[in-house]
Amino acid sequence: MLIFFSESCSTTDELAKRADVALSVVGKPLIGEIKKTETGAPYCKNYCLSVTHTDGVSLLALSSTPVGIDIEKKDRIVPESMKDVRNWTAYEAKCKLSGQGIRLSEVRVGGDFCEGVSFHEFLDGYTLAIAGGNDPLFVIVV
């Protein structure tokens, strides 16, 4: 799985264009046009993908299998029912993996959403949650 990371991209399209430059250098298929499903989930022709943005940080994940990612600042305030920021981040990643979006009824009920999610803290002060996407992980700064 490739994760493209940027602190300066303001839109998904801009991040995808930068990722396409990196992909072209190594001879990988390009992302090209990103479309959205009826529920707003992004998709493209050549990859399973997921996108996350928070506080000036943007990430785009590309995988050969369905993937959902979310990144949040560790000090983010989350709904009390979600326990902590790791659980919230895992929940959002799983929602993106499913393509269904956030379901408010689950947020109100809460629960433990961390099972089956991997967490990465390569960026100081942030937690990245990845659901699905079984490929080896590579992070590329664009």
N, C-alpha and C. Protein backbone atom coordinates (compact mmCIF):
# COMPACT_ATOMS: atom_id res chain seq x y z
N MET A 1 0.85 -1.16 0.00
CA MET A 1 0.00 0.00 0.00
C MET A 1 0.90 1.23 0.00
N LEU A 2 0.52 2.19 -0.81
CA LEU A 2 1.24 3.45 -0.86
C LEU A 2 0.40 4.51 -0.18
N ILE A 3 1.02 5.26 0.72
CA ILE A 3 0.36 6.40 1.34
C ILE A 3 1.14 7.64 0.96
N PHE A 4 0.46 8.54 0.30
CA PHE A 4 1.05 9.81 -0.09
C PHE A 4 0.67 10.84 0.96
N PHE A 5 1.68 11.51 1.50
CA PHE A 5 1.52 12.43 2.61
C PHE A 5 1.94 13.83 2.19
N SER A 6 1.14 14.83 2.59
CA SER A 6 1.49 16.21 2.30
C SER A 6 1.00 17.13 3.41
N GLU A 7 1.79 18.13 3.68
CA GLU A 7 1.37 19.19 4.61
C GLU A 7 0.97 20.44 3.85
N SER A 8 0.95 20.37 2.51
CA SER A 8 0.67 21.58 1.75
C SER A 8 -0.42 21.43 0.70
N CYS A 9 -1.04 20.27 0.59
CA CYS A 9 -2.14 20.09 -0.38
C CYS A 9 -3.46 20.44 0.27
N SER A 10 -4.23 21.28 -0.41
CA SER A 10 -5.51 21.67 0.17
C SER A 10 -6.68 20.86 -0.37
N THR A 11 -6.48 20.15 -1.49
CA THR A 11 -7.58 19.37 -2.05
C THR A 11 -7.12 17.95 -2.39
N THR A 12 -8.08 17.07 -2.49
CA THR A 12 -7.79 15.69 -2.89
C THR A 12 -7.22 15.65 -4.30
N ASP A 13 -7.77 16.46 -5.21
CA ASP A 13 -7.28 16.47 -6.59
C ASP A 13 -5.82 16.91 -6.66
N GLU A 14 -5.44 17.91 -5.87
CA GLU A 14 -4.05 18.36 -5.84
C GLU A 14 -3.13 17.26 -5.31
N LEU A 15 -3.57 16.58 -4.27
CA LEU A 15 -2.78 15.48 -3.70
C LEU A 15 -2.65 14.34 -4.72
N ALA A 16 -3.72 14.03 -5.43
CA ALA A 16 -3.68 12.97 -6.44
C ALA A 16 -2.73 13.33 -7.58
N LYS A 17 -2.71 14.59 -7.98
CA LYS A 17 -1.80 15.02 -9.04
C LYS A 17 -0.35 14.84 -8.62
N ARG A 18 -0.04 15.20 -7.38
CA ARG A 18 1.32 15.01 -6.87
C ARG A 18 1.67 13.52 -6.79
N ALA A 19 0.70 12.72 -6.35
CA ALA A 19 0.92 11.27 -6.28
C ALA A 19 1.16 10.70 -7.68
N ASP A 20 0.42 11.19 -8.68
CA ASP A 20 0.62 10.72 -10.05
C ASP A 20 2.03 11.00 -10.55
N VAL A 21 2.60 12.14 -10.17
CA VAL A 21 3.98 12.45 -10.56
C VAL A 21 4.93 11.39 -9.99
N ALA A 22 4.76 11.08 -8.70
CA ALA A 22 5.60 10.06 -8.07
C ALA A 22 5.38 8.69 -8.70
N LEU A 23 4.14 8.34 -8.98
CA LEU A 23 3.84 7.05 -9.61
C LEU A 23 4.45 6.94 -10.99
N SER A 24 4.43 8.03 -11.75
CA SER A 24 4.99 7.99 -13.11
C SER A 24 6.49 7.78 -13.09
N VAL A 25 7.16 8.31 -12.08
CA VAL A 25 8.61 8.16 -11.96
C VAL A 25 9.01 6.69 -11.81
N VAL A 26 8.19 5.92 -11.09
CA VAL A 26 8.52 4.50 -10.86
C VAL A 26 7.74 3.56 -11.78
N GLY A 27 7.04 4.11 -12.77
CA GLY A 27 6.37 3.29 -13.77
C GLY A 27 5.10 2.59 -13.30
N LYS A 28 4.46 3.12 -12.27
CA LYS A 28 3.20 2.54 -11.77
C LYS A 28 2.03 3.18 -12.49
N PRO A 29 0.88 2.49 -12.56
CA PRO A 29 -0.32 3.10 -13.15
C PRO A 29 -0.70 4.37 -12.39
N LEU A 30 -1.20 5.34 -13.10
CA LEU A 30 -1.59 6.61 -12.50
C LEU A 30 -2.97 6.53 -11.86
N ILE A 31 -3.23 7.44 -10.94
CA ILE A 31 -4.54 7.53 -10.30
C ILE A 31 -5.55 8.07 -11.30
N GLY A 32 -5.15 9.11 -12.01
CA GLY A 32 -6.05 9.73 -12.97
C GLY A 32 -7.22 10.42 -12.28
N GLU A 33 -8.38 10.35 -12.88
CA GLU A 33 -9.55 11.03 -12.35
C GLU A 33 -10.12 10.30 -11.13
N ILE A 34 -10.37 11.06 -10.08
CA ILE A 34 -11.03 10.51 -8.89
C ILE A 34 -12.51 10.88 -8.97
N LYS A 35 -13.34 9.86 -8.90
CA LYS A 35 -14.78 10.05 -8.91
C LYS A 35 -15.33 9.72 -7.52
N LYS A 36 -16.62 9.94 -7.31
CA LYS A 36 -17.24 9.64 -6.02
C LYS A 36 -18.49 8.80 -6.22
N THR A 37 -18.69 7.87 -5.28
CA THR A 37 -19.90 7.06 -5.29
C THR A 37 -21.07 7.90 -4.79
N GLU A 38 -22.25 7.32 -4.77
CA GLU A 38 -23.44 8.02 -4.26
C GLU A 38 -23.28 8.44 -2.81
N THR A 39 -22.51 7.67 -2.03
CA THR A 39 -22.30 8.00 -0.62
C THR A 39 -21.12 8.94 -0.42
N GLY A 40 -20.46 9.34 -1.51
CA GLY A 40 -19.35 10.28 -1.41
C GLY A 40 -17.98 9.64 -1.29
N ALA A 41 -17.91 8.31 -1.34
CA ALA A 41 -16.61 7.63 -1.25
C ALA A 41 -15.83 7.81 -2.55
N PRO A 42 -14.55 8.22 -2.45
CA PRO A 42 -13.76 8.41 -3.67
C PRO A 42 -13.33 7.06 -4.25
N TYR A 43 -13.19 7.04 -5.58
CA TYR A 43 -12.66 5.85 -6.24
C TYR A 43 -11.99 6.26 -7.54
N CYS A 44 -11.15 5.36 -8.05
CA CYS A 44 -10.48 5.59 -9.32
C CYS A 44 -10.35 4.26 -10.05
N LYS A 45 -9.86 4.31 -11.26
CA LYS A 45 -9.80 3.13 -12.13
C LYS A 45 -8.75 2.09 -11.69
N ASN A 46 -7.57 2.54 -11.30
CA ASN A 46 -6.44 1.61 -11.13
C ASN A 46 -6.16 1.14 -9.71
N TYR A 47 -6.81 1.73 -8.71
CA TYR A 47 -6.50 1.41 -7.32
C TYR A 47 -7.75 1.46 -6.45
N CYS A 48 -7.67 0.78 -5.32
CA CYS A 48 -8.59 1.06 -4.22
C CYS A 48 -7.95 2.23 -3.49
N LEU A 49 -8.74 3.22 -3.09
CA LEU A 49 -8.12 4.38 -2.47
C LEU A 49 -8.96 4.92 -1.33
N SER A 50 -8.29 5.67 -0.47
CA SER A 50 -8.94 6.36 0.63
C SER A 50 -8.17 7.65 0.87
N VAL A 51 -8.88 8.68 1.34
CA VAL A 51 -8.29 9.99 1.55
C VAL A 51 -8.65 10.48 2.94
N THR A 52 -7.73 11.19 3.59
CA THR A 52 -8.02 11.82 4.87
C THR A 52 -7.30 13.16 4.95
N HIS A 53 -7.95 14.11 5.61
CA HIS A 53 -7.40 15.45 5.81
C HIS A 53 -7.68 15.86 7.26
N THR A 54 -6.72 16.52 7.90
CA THR A 54 -6.97 17.14 9.20
C THR A 54 -5.89 18.17 9.46
N ASP A 55 -6.26 19.33 9.94
CA ASP A 55 -5.34 20.36 10.40
C ASP A 55 -4.10 20.52 9.53
N GLY A 56 -4.29 20.70 8.23
CA GLY A 56 -3.17 20.94 7.33
C GLY A 56 -2.40 19.72 6.88
N VAL A 57 -2.85 18.54 7.26
CA VAL A 57 -2.20 17.29 6.86
C VAL A 57 -3.16 16.53 5.95
N SER A 58 -2.64 16.04 4.81
CA SER A 58 -3.44 15.27 3.86
C SER A 58 -2.73 13.97 3.54
N LEU A 59 -3.51 12.88 3.47
CA LEU A 59 -2.96 11.59 3.08
C LEU A 59 -3.90 10.92 2.10
N LEU A 60 -3.30 10.22 1.14
CA LEU A 60 -4.05 9.45 0.16
C LEU A 60 -3.44 8.06 0.13
N ALA A 61 -4.26 7.04 0.36
CA ALA A 61 -3.79 5.66 0.37
C ALA A 61 -4.22 4.97 -0.91
N LEU A 62 -3.30 4.22 -1.52
CA LEU A 62 -3.59 3.41 -2.69
C LEU A 62 -3.26 1.97 -2.35
N SER A 63 -4.16 1.06 -2.71
CA SER A 63 -3.96 -0.34 -2.38
C SER A 63 -4.57 -1.21 -3.49
N SER A 64 -4.16 -2.47 -3.51
CA SER A 64 -4.77 -3.41 -4.45
C SER A 64 -6.05 -4.01 -3.86
N THR A 65 -6.28 -3.79 -2.57
CA THR A 65 -7.49 -4.27 -1.90
C THR A 65 -8.17 -3.08 -1.22
N PRO A 66 -9.47 -3.18 -0.94
CA PRO A 66 -10.17 -2.06 -0.30
C PRO A 66 -9.45 -1.57 0.96
N VAL A 67 -9.45 -0.24 1.15
CA VAL A 67 -8.73 0.38 2.25
C VAL A 67 -9.50 1.60 2.75
N GLY A 68 -9.38 1.86 4.04
CA GLY A 68 -9.93 3.07 4.63
C GLY A 68 -8.89 3.64 5.58
N ILE A 69 -8.62 4.95 5.48
CA ILE A 69 -7.65 5.57 6.38
C ILE A 69 -8.27 6.81 7.02
N ASP A 70 -7.77 7.11 8.21
CA ASP A 70 -8.14 8.36 8.86
C ASP A 70 -6.97 8.79 9.72
N ILE A 71 -6.72 10.09 9.75
CA ILE A 71 -5.69 10.65 10.62
C ILE A 71 -6.31 11.76 11.45
N GLU A 72 -5.94 11.80 12.72
CA GLU A 72 -6.44 12.83 13.63
C GLU A 72 -5.31 13.25 14.56
N LYS A 73 -5.40 14.49 15.02
CA LYS A 73 -4.47 14.94 16.06
C LYS A 73 -4.79 14.16 17.34
N LYS A 74 -3.76 13.81 18.06
CA LYS A 74 -3.94 13.01 19.29
C LYS A 74 -4.77 13.74 20.33
N ASP A 75 -4.78 15.07 20.30
CA ASP A 75 -5.53 15.83 21.30
C ASP A 75 -6.93 16.21 20.84
N ARG A 76 -7.39 15.65 19.72
CA ARG A 76 -8.73 15.96 19.23
C ARG A 76 -9.78 15.53 20.26
N ILE A 77 -10.78 16.36 20.43
CA ILE A 77 -11.90 16.01 21.30
C ILE A 77 -12.90 15.22 20.47
N VAL A 78 -13.25 14.03 20.95
CA VAL A 78 -14.18 13.15 20.23
C VAL A 78 -15.42 12.93 21.07
N PRO A 79 -16.52 12.48 20.46
CA PRO A 79 -17.71 12.19 21.25
C PRO A 79 -17.39 11.23 22.40
N GLU A 80 -17.95 11.50 23.56
CA GLU A 80 -17.66 10.71 24.76
C GLU A 80 -17.89 9.22 24.53
N SER A 81 -18.91 8.88 23.75
CA SER A 81 -19.21 7.47 23.50
C SER A 81 -18.10 6.76 22.72
N MET A 82 -17.22 7.52 22.08
CA MET A 82 -16.16 6.91 21.29
C MET A 82 -14.90 6.64 22.12
N LYS A 83 -14.88 6.98 23.38
CA LYS A 83 -13.81 6.68 24.34
C LYS A 83 -12.56 7.54 24.16
N ASP A 84 -11.91 7.43 23.01
CA ASP A 84 -10.66 8.17 22.80
C ASP A 84 -10.42 8.38 21.31
N VAL A 85 -9.37 9.12 20.99
CA VAL A 85 -9.11 9.48 19.60
C VAL A 85 -8.71 8.26 18.76
N ARG A 86 -8.05 7.28 19.35
CA ARG A 86 -7.71 6.05 18.59
C ARG A 86 -8.97 5.33 18.14
N ASN A 87 -9.93 5.20 19.05
CA ASN A 87 -11.18 4.52 18.72
C ASN A 87 -11.94 5.29 17.64
N TRP A 88 -11.97 6.63 17.76
CA TRP A 88 -12.64 7.46 16.77
C TRP A 88 -11.97 7.33 15.40
N THR A 89 -10.64 7.37 15.39
CA THR A 89 -9.89 7.26 14.14
C THR A 89 -10.12 5.89 13.51
N ALA A 90 -10.13 4.86 14.32
CA ALA A 90 -10.42 3.51 13.81
C ALA A 90 -11.83 3.45 13.22
N TYR A 91 -12.78 4.07 13.91
CA TYR A 91 -14.17 4.08 13.43
C TYR A 91 -14.25 4.75 12.05
N GLU A 92 -13.63 5.92 11.92
CA GLU A 92 -13.68 6.61 10.64
C GLU A 92 -12.99 5.81 9.53
N ALA A 93 -11.87 5.16 9.84
CA ALA A 93 -11.18 4.34 8.84
C ALA A 93 -12.08 3.19 8.39
N LYS A 94 -12.76 2.55 9.34
CA LYS A 94 -13.66 1.44 8.99
C LYS A 94 -14.85 1.94 8.17
N CYS A 95 -15.36 3.12 8.48
CA CYS A 95 -16.46 3.69 7.69
C CYS A 95 -16.01 3.94 6.26
N LYS A 96 -14.79 4.45 6.10
CA LYS A 96 -14.27 4.70 4.76
C LYS A 96 -14.03 3.38 4.03
N LEU A 97 -13.57 2.37 4.74
CA LEU A 97 -13.38 1.05 4.14
C LEU A 97 -14.70 0.52 3.60
N SER A 98 -15.77 0.70 4.35
CA SER A 98 -17.08 0.19 3.94
C SER A 98 -17.71 1.03 2.82
N GLY A 99 -17.27 2.28 2.69
CA GLY A 99 -17.84 3.16 1.68
C GLY A 99 -19.20 3.71 2.06
N GLN A 100 -19.64 3.47 3.30
CA GLN A 100 -20.98 3.86 3.72
C GLN A 100 -21.02 5.22 4.42
N GLY A 101 -19.89 5.74 4.85
CA GLY A 101 -19.88 7.00 5.57
C GLY A 101 -20.15 6.81 7.05
N ILE A 102 -20.02 7.89 7.80
CA ILE A 102 -20.21 7.84 9.26
C ILE A 102 -21.70 7.70 9.56
N ARG A 103 -22.01 6.76 10.43
CA ARG A 103 -23.39 6.52 10.83
C ARG A 103 -23.58 7.05 12.25
N LEU A 104 -24.35 8.12 12.38
CA LEU A 104 -24.50 8.79 13.67
C LEU A 104 -25.01 7.86 14.77
N SER A 105 -25.82 6.87 14.43
CA SER A 105 -26.33 5.95 15.45
C SER A 105 -25.18 5.19 16.11
N GLU A 106 -24.15 4.83 15.33
CA GLU A 106 -22.99 4.14 15.91
C GLU A 106 -22.18 5.08 16.79
N VAL A 107 -22.08 6.34 16.40
CA VAL A 107 -21.32 7.31 17.20
C VAL A 107 -22.00 7.49 18.56
N ARG A 108 -23.31 7.55 18.56
CA ARG A 108 -24.05 7.73 19.82
C ARG A 108 -23.92 6.52 20.73
N VAL A 109 -23.90 5.33 20.13
CA VAL A 109 -23.80 4.09 20.91
C VAL A 109 -22.36 3.83 21.32
N GLY A 110 -21.43 4.14 20.44
CA GLY A 110 -20.02 3.91 20.73
C GLY A 110 -19.64 2.46 20.48
N GLY A 111 -18.67 1.98 21.21
CA GLY A 111 -18.16 0.64 21.02
C GLY A 111 -16.67 0.69 20.79
N ASP A 112 -16.08 -0.47 20.64
CA ASP A 112 -14.65 -0.56 20.38
C ASP A 112 -14.46 -0.90 18.91
N PHE A 113 -13.89 0.02 18.16
CA PHE A 113 -13.72 -0.15 16.72
C PHE A 113 -12.28 -0.48 16.34
N CYS A 114 -11.40 -0.68 17.31
CA CYS A 114 -9.97 -0.83 17.04
C CYS A 114 -9.58 -2.20 16.47
N GLU A 115 -10.41 -3.21 16.68
CA GLU A 115 -10.07 -4.55 16.20
C GLU A 115 -9.95 -4.55 14.68
N GLY A 116 -8.87 -5.13 14.18
CA GLY A 116 -8.66 -5.22 12.74
C GLY A 116 -8.12 -3.95 12.11
N VAL A 117 -7.77 -2.97 12.93
CA VAL A 117 -7.23 -1.70 12.42
C VAL A 117 -5.78 -1.59 12.86
N SER A 118 -4.91 -1.13 11.96
CA SER A 118 -3.52 -0.88 12.35
C SER A 118 -3.34 0.61 12.58
N PHE A 119 -2.51 0.93 13.56
CA PHE A 119 -2.26 2.32 13.93
C PHE A 119 -0.80 2.66 13.67
N HIS A 120 -0.58 3.88 13.19
CA HIS A 120 0.77 4.33 12.87
C HIS A 120 0.92 5.76 13.38
N GLU A 121 2.07 6.04 13.97
CA GLU A 121 2.31 7.35 14.55
C GLU A 121 3.62 7.92 14.03
N PHE A 122 3.80 7.86 12.69
CA PHE A 122 5.02 8.36 12.08
C PHE A 122 5.09 9.88 12.10
N LEU A 123 3.96 10.54 12.31
CA LEU A 123 3.91 11.99 12.35
C LEU A 123 3.62 12.41 13.78
N ASP A 124 4.53 13.14 14.39
CA ASP A 124 4.41 13.52 15.79
C ASP A 124 3.10 14.27 16.06
N GLY A 125 2.36 13.79 17.06
CA GLY A 125 1.13 14.45 17.46
C GLY A 125 -0.12 13.96 16.74
N TYR A 126 0.03 12.99 15.83
CA TYR A 126 -1.09 12.47 15.05
C TYR A 126 -1.16 10.95 15.16
N THR A 127 -2.35 10.43 14.99
CA THR A 127 -2.56 8.98 14.91
C THR A 127 -3.21 8.66 13.58
N LEU A 128 -2.61 7.74 12.84
CA LEU A 128 -3.15 7.27 11.57
C LEU A 128 -3.72 5.88 11.79
N ALA A 129 -4.97 5.67 11.38
CA ALA A 129 -5.61 4.36 11.44
C ALA A 129 -5.82 3.85 10.03
N ILE A 130 -5.51 2.57 9.81
CA ILE A 130 -5.70 1.94 8.50
C ILE A 130 -6.55 0.70 8.68
N ALA A 131 -7.66 0.66 7.95
CA ALA A 131 -8.54 -0.51 7.92
C ALA A 131 -8.45 -1.11 6.53
N GLY A 132 -8.25 -2.42 6.45
CA GLY A 132 -8.13 -3.08 5.14
C GLY A 132 -6.76 -2.82 4.55
N GLY A 133 -6.69 -2.89 3.22
CA GLY A 133 -5.42 -2.62 2.54
C GLY A 133 -4.30 -3.50 3.03
N ASN A 134 -4.27 -4.74 2.60
CA ASN A 134 -3.34 -5.73 3.15
C ASN A 134 -1.94 -5.68 2.55
N ASP A 135 -1.66 -4.74 1.66
CA ASP A 135 -0.33 -4.64 1.04
C ASP A 135 0.69 -4.09 2.03
N PRO A 136 2.00 -4.35 1.81
CA PRO A 136 3.03 -3.70 2.64
C PRO A 136 2.89 -2.18 2.55
N LEU A 137 3.23 -1.48 3.62
CA LEU A 137 3.00 -0.04 3.75
C LEU A 137 4.25 0.75 3.39
N PHE A 138 4.08 1.73 2.50
CA PHE A 138 5.14 2.68 2.15
C PHE A 138 4.54 4.07 2.22
N VAL A 139 5.21 4.99 2.91
CA VAL A 139 4.76 6.37 3.01
C VAL A 139 5.66 7.24 2.15
N ILE A 140 5.05 8.05 1.29
CA ILE A 140 5.77 8.89 0.36
C ILE A 140 5.34 10.35 0.58
N VAL A 141 6.29 11.22 0.81
CA VAL A 141 5.99 12.64 1.00
C VAL A 141 5.94 13.31 -0.35
N VAL A 142 4.83 14.01 -0.62
CA VAL A 142 4.68 14.70 -1.91
C VAL A 142 4.34 16.17 -1.67
